[in-house]
Amino acid sequence: MPALQITTSLLGLGLAALIFVLLRRDHLYIHHGLFWIVVAALGALLGLWPGLIDRVASLVGISYAPAALLLGAVVVLFIKALYADMMQTRLERQLRRLNQRIAMLELGPTVRPSSVAEPADQTTPPQADPTR
């Protein structure tokens, strides 16, 4: 086995081990960890069988195998960046809504969110507000 194959295989396995340690110590969220474990496994797989990229490139119709590898890496990283932006947008929206709810609660009982408003009771007359 050539030295390059050994090096790339060890890098992929080392990256997978590092990700497992980060997951175990709760330094990495499980969904992100699974993505990086798949990336590390693919790196180890391509390190062990470098002819695999040649076969995949010929199936796709790319004549230069390293270009297929580079294209695949760019596409995967693009998808990862897009997913990260989507999650960041969702978290920012949730944080903004949470801040708005906290602000409404700090204002007191004069302002109530519409989802918490109680229906008007038809049987009893409205009472005067003692705070006014």
C-alpha atoms as a PDB file:
ATOM      1  CA  MET A   1       0.000   0.000   0.000  1.00  0.00           C
ATOM      2  CA  PRO A   2       1.539   3.346  -1.022  1.00  0.00           C
ATOM      3  CA  ALA A   3       2.325   5.956   1.608  1.00  0.00           C
ATOM      4  CA  LEU A   4      -0.332   8.317   0.245  1.00  0.00           C
ATOM      5  CA  GLN A   5      -3.060   5.730   0.782  1.00  0.00           C
ATOM      6  CA  ILE A   6      -1.891   5.107   4.330  1.00  0.00           C
ATOM      7  CA  THR A   7      -1.727   8.828   5.061  1.00  0.00           C
ATOM      8  CA  THR A   8      -5.191   9.639   3.697  1.00  0.00           C
ATOM      9  CA  SER A   9      -6.732   6.622   5.405  1.00  0.00           C
ATOM     10  CA  LEU A  10      -5.202   7.588   8.735  1.00  0.00           C
ATOM     11  CA  LEU A  11      -6.353  11.185   8.294  1.00  0.00           C
ATOM     12  CA  GLY A  12      -9.924  10.045   7.666  1.00  0.00           C
ATOM     13  CA  LEU A  13      -9.914   7.663  10.618  1.00  0.00           C
ATOM     14  CA  GLY A  14      -8.264  10.282  12.851  1.00  0.00           C
ATOM     15  CA  LEU A  15     -10.896  12.836  11.881  1.00  0.00           C
ATOM     16  CA  ALA A  16     -13.656  10.333  12.662  1.00  0.00           C
ATOM     17  CA  ALA A  17     -12.079   9.613  16.074  1.00  0.00           C
ATOM     18  CA  LEU A  18     -11.803  13.344  16.812  1.00  0.00           C
ATOM     19  CA  ILE A  19     -15.455  13.854  15.920  1.00  0.00           C
ATOM     20  CA  PHE A  20     -16.502  10.976  18.186  1.00  0.00           C
ATOM     21  CA  VAL A  21     -14.550  12.575  21.053  1.00  0.00           C
ATOM     22  CA  LEU A  22     -16.180  15.962  20.396  1.00  0.00           C
ATOM     23  CA  LEU A  23     -19.615  14.349  20.325  1.00  0.00           C
ATOM     24  CA  ARG A  24     -18.941  12.419  23.518  1.00  0.00           C
ATOM     25  CA  ARG A  25     -17.818  15.554  25.364  1.00  0.00           C
ATOM     26  CA  ASP A  26     -20.865  17.427  24.027  1.00  0.00           C
ATOM     27  CA  HIS A  27     -18.754  19.975  22.144  1.00  0.00           C
ATOM     28  CA  LEU A  28     -20.495  19.192  18.867  1.00  0.00           C
ATOM     29  CA  TYR A  29     -24.198  18.902  18.139  1.00  0.00           C
ATOM     30  CA  ILE A  30     -25.178  15.399  17.006  1.00  0.00           C
ATOM     31  CA  HIS A  31     -26.551  16.443  13.593  1.00  0.00           C
ATOM     32  CA  HIS A  32     -23.369  18.314  12.736  1.00  0.00           C
ATOM     33  CA  GLY A  33     -21.279  15.435  14.054  1.00  0.00           C
ATOM     34  CA  LEU A  34     -23.039  12.939  11.820  1.00  0.00           C
ATOM     35  CA  PHE A  35     -22.285  15.071   8.781  1.00  0.00           C
ATOM     36  CA  TRP A  36     -18.589  15.266   9.656  1.00  0.00           C
ATOM     37  CA  ILE A  37     -18.406  11.540  10.429  1.00  0.00           C
ATOM     38  CA  VAL A  38     -19.747  10.820   6.942  1.00  0.00           C
ATOM     39  CA  VAL A  39     -17.124  13.180   5.483  1.00  0.00           C
ATOM     40  CA  ALA A  40     -14.378  11.442   7.477  1.00  0.00           C
ATOM     41  CA  ALA A  41     -15.626   8.004   6.407  1.00  0.00           C
ATOM     42  CA  LEU A  42     -15.605   9.070   2.760  1.00  0.00           C
ATOM     43  CA  GLY A  43     -12.058  10.380   3.189  1.00  0.00           C
ATOM     44  CA  ALA A  44     -10.939   7.074   4.701  1.00  0.00           C
ATOM     45  CA  LEU A  45     -12.767   5.119   1.984  1.00  0.00           C
ATOM     46  CA  LEU A  46     -11.136   7.112  -0.803  1.00  0.00           C
ATOM     47  CA  GLY A  47      -7.796   6.723   0.945  1.00  0.00           C
ATOM     48  CA  LEU A  48      -8.128   2.956   1.068  1.00  0.00           C
ATOM     49  CA  TRP A  49      -9.502   2.606  -2.486  1.00  0.00           C
ATOM     50  CA  PRO A  50      -8.223   5.508  -4.611  1.00  0.00           C
ATOM     51  CA  GLY A  51      -9.525   3.828  -7.774  1.00  0.00           C
ATOM     52  CA  LEU A  52     -13.049   4.420  -6.501  1.00  0.00           C
ATOM     53  CA  ILE A  53     -12.926   8.100  -7.451  1.00  0.00           C
ATOM     54  CA  ASP A  54     -11.856   7.103 -10.971  1.00  0.00           C
ATOM     55  CA  ARG A  55     -14.866   4.816 -11.295  1.00  0.00           C
ATOM     56  CA  VAL A  56     -17.292   7.425  -9.949  1.00  0.00           C
ATOM     57  CA  ALA A  57     -15.843  10.077 -12.267  1.00  0.00           C
ATOM     58  CA  SER A  58     -16.198   7.821 -15.314  1.00  0.00           C
ATOM     59  CA  LEU A  59     -19.813   6.990 -14.342  1.00  0.00           C
ATOM     60  CA  VAL A  60     -20.642  10.680 -14.111  1.00  0.00           C
ATOM     61  CA  GLY A  61     -18.825  11.448 -17.364  1.00  0.00           C
ATOM     62  CA  ILE A  62     -15.870  13.418 -15.994  1.00  0.00           C
ATOM     63  CA  SER A  63     -12.592  12.476 -17.635  1.00  0.00           C
ATOM     64  CA  TYR A  64     -10.267  13.955 -14.984  1.00  0.00           C
ATOM     65  CA  ALA A  65     -10.948  12.232 -11.645  1.00  0.00           C
ATOM     66  CA  PRO A  66      -9.458  14.912  -9.335  1.00  0.00           C
ATOM     67  CA  ALA A  67     -11.870  17.430 -10.877  1.00  0.00           C
ATOM     68  CA  ALA A  68     -14.768  15.160  -9.869  1.00  0.00           C
ATOM     69  CA  LEU A  69     -13.383  14.987  -6.340  1.00  0.00           C
ATOM     70  CA  LEU A  70     -13.062  18.766  -6.180  1.00  0.00           C
ATOM     71  CA  LEU A  71     -16.552  19.264  -7.628  1.00  0.00           C
ATOM     72  CA  GLY A  72     -18.014  16.843  -5.077  1.00  0.00           C
ATOM     73  CA  ALA A  73     -16.257  18.628  -2.215  1.00  0.00           C
ATOM     74  CA  VAL A  74     -17.503  22.034  -3.373  1.00  0.00           C
ATOM     75  CA  VAL A  75     -21.083  20.768  -3.704  1.00  0.00           C
ATOM     76  CA  VAL A  76     -21.025  19.156  -0.248  1.00  0.00           C
ATOM     77  CA  LEU A  77     -19.579  22.275   1.381  1.00  0.00           C
ATOM     78  CA  PHE A  78     -22.111  24.462  -0.432  1.00  0.00           C
ATOM     79  CA  ILE A  79     -24.960  22.331   0.905  1.00  0.00           C
ATOM     80  CA  LYS A  80     -23.432  22.437   4.405  1.00  0.00           C
ATOM     81  CA  ALA A  81     -23.135  26.246   4.284  1.00  0.00           C
ATOM     82  CA  LEU A  82     -26.709  26.592   3.027  1.00  0.00           C
ATOM     83  CA  TYR A  83     -27.987  24.330   5.801  1.00  0.00           C
ATOM     84  CA  ALA A  84     -26.017  26.311   8.413  1.00  0.00           C
ATOM     85  CA  ASP A  85     -27.516  29.570   7.142  1.00  0.00           C
ATOM     86  CA  MET A  86     -31.010  28.092   7.301  1.00  0.00           C
ATOM     87  CA  MET A  87     -30.467  26.986  10.907  1.00  0.00           C
ATOM     88  CA  GLN A  88     -29.000  30.362  11.866  1.00  0.00           C
ATOM     89  CA  THR A  89     -32.005  32.144  10.356  1.00  0.00           C
ATOM     90  CA  ARG A  90     -34.378  29.879  12.284  1.00  0.00           C
ATOM     91  CA  LEU A  91     -32.523  30.490  15.541  1.00  0.00           C
ATOM     92  CA  GLU A  92     -32.443  34.259  14.997  1.00  0.00           C
ATOM     93  CA  ARG A  93     -36.192  34.264  14.303  1.00  0.00           C
ATOM     94  CA  GLN A  94     -36.856  32.258  17.478  1.00  0.00           C
ATOM     95  CA  LEU A  95     -34.620  34.564  19.503  1.00  0.00           C
ATOM     96  CA  ARG A  96     -36.361  37.670  18.158  1.00  0.00           C
ATOM     97  CA  ARG A  97     -39.780  36.223  19.021  1.00  0.00           C
ATOM     98  CA  LEU A  98     -38.577  35.238  22.472  1.00  0.00           C
ATOM     99  CA  ASN A  99     -37.259  38.755  23.074  1.00  0.00           C
ATOM    100  CA  GLN A 100     -40.607  40.194  21.982  1.00  0.00           C
ATOM    101  CA  ARG A 101     -42.474  37.916  24.375  1.00  0.00           C
ATOM    102  CA  ILE A 102     -40.173  38.876  27.244  1.00  0.00           C
ATOM    103  CA  ALA A 103     -40.680  42.559  26.457  1.00  0.00           C
ATOM    104  CA  MET A 104     -44.464  42.095  26.486  1.00  0.00           C
ATOM    105  CA  LEU A 105     -44.293  40.283  29.826  1.00  0.00           C
ATOM    106  CA  GLU A 106     -42.121  43.035  31.319  1.00  0.00           C
ATOM    107  CA  LEU A 107     -44.660  45.679  30.270  1.00  0.00           C
ATOM    108  CA  GLY A 108     -47.162  44.080  32.566  1.00  0.00           C
ATOM    109  CA  PRO A 109     -50.830  43.166  32.256  1.00  0.00           C
ATOM    110  CA  THR A 110     -51.732  46.171  30.092  1.00  0.00           C
ATOM    111  CA  VAL A 111     -50.400  44.508  26.942  1.00  0.00           C
ATOM    112  CA  ARG A 112     -51.346  40.899  26.271  1.00  0.00           C
ATOM    113  CA  PRO A 113     -50.352  38.835  23.275  1.00  0.00           C
ATOM    114  CA  SER A 114     -53.291  37.839  21.120  1.00  0.00           C
ATOM    115  CA  SER A 115     -52.601  34.131  21.614  1.00  0.00           C
ATOM    116  CA  VAL A 116     -52.960  34.528  25.405  1.00  0.00           C
ATOM    117  CA  ALA A 117     -56.000  36.822  25.379  1.00  0.00           C
ATOM    118  CA  GLU A 118     -59.002  35.369  27.165  1.00  0.00           C
ATOM    119  CA  PRO A 119     -62.399  35.348  25.484  1.00  0.00           C
ATOM    120  CA  ALA A 120     -64.882  37.886  26.790  1.00  0.00           C
ATOM    121  CA  ASP A 121     -67.362  36.422  29.245  1.00  0.00           C
ATOM    122  CA  GLN A 122     -70.913  37.366  28.235  1.00  0.00           C
ATOM    123  CA  THR A 123     -72.545  36.618  31.609  1.00  0.00           C
ATOM    124  CA  THR A 124     -70.681  39.080  33.853  1.00  0.00           C
ATOM    125  CA  PRO A 125     -70.242  42.788  33.193  1.00  0.00           C
ATOM    126  CA  PRO A 126     -66.707  44.074  32.713  1.00  0.00           C
ATOM    127  CA  GLN A 127     -65.037  45.318  35.896  1.00  0.00           C
ATOM    128  CA  ALA A 128     -63.225  48.625  36.160  1.00  0.00           C
ATOM    129  CA  ASP A 129     -59.468  48.381  36.147  1.00  0.00           C
ATOM    130  CA  PRO A 130     -58.227  49.352  39.677  1.00  0.00           C
ATOM    131  CA  THR A 131     -54.819  50.435  38.309  1.00  0.00           C
ATOM    132  CA  ARG A 132     -56.318  53.330  36.292  1.00  0.00           C
END
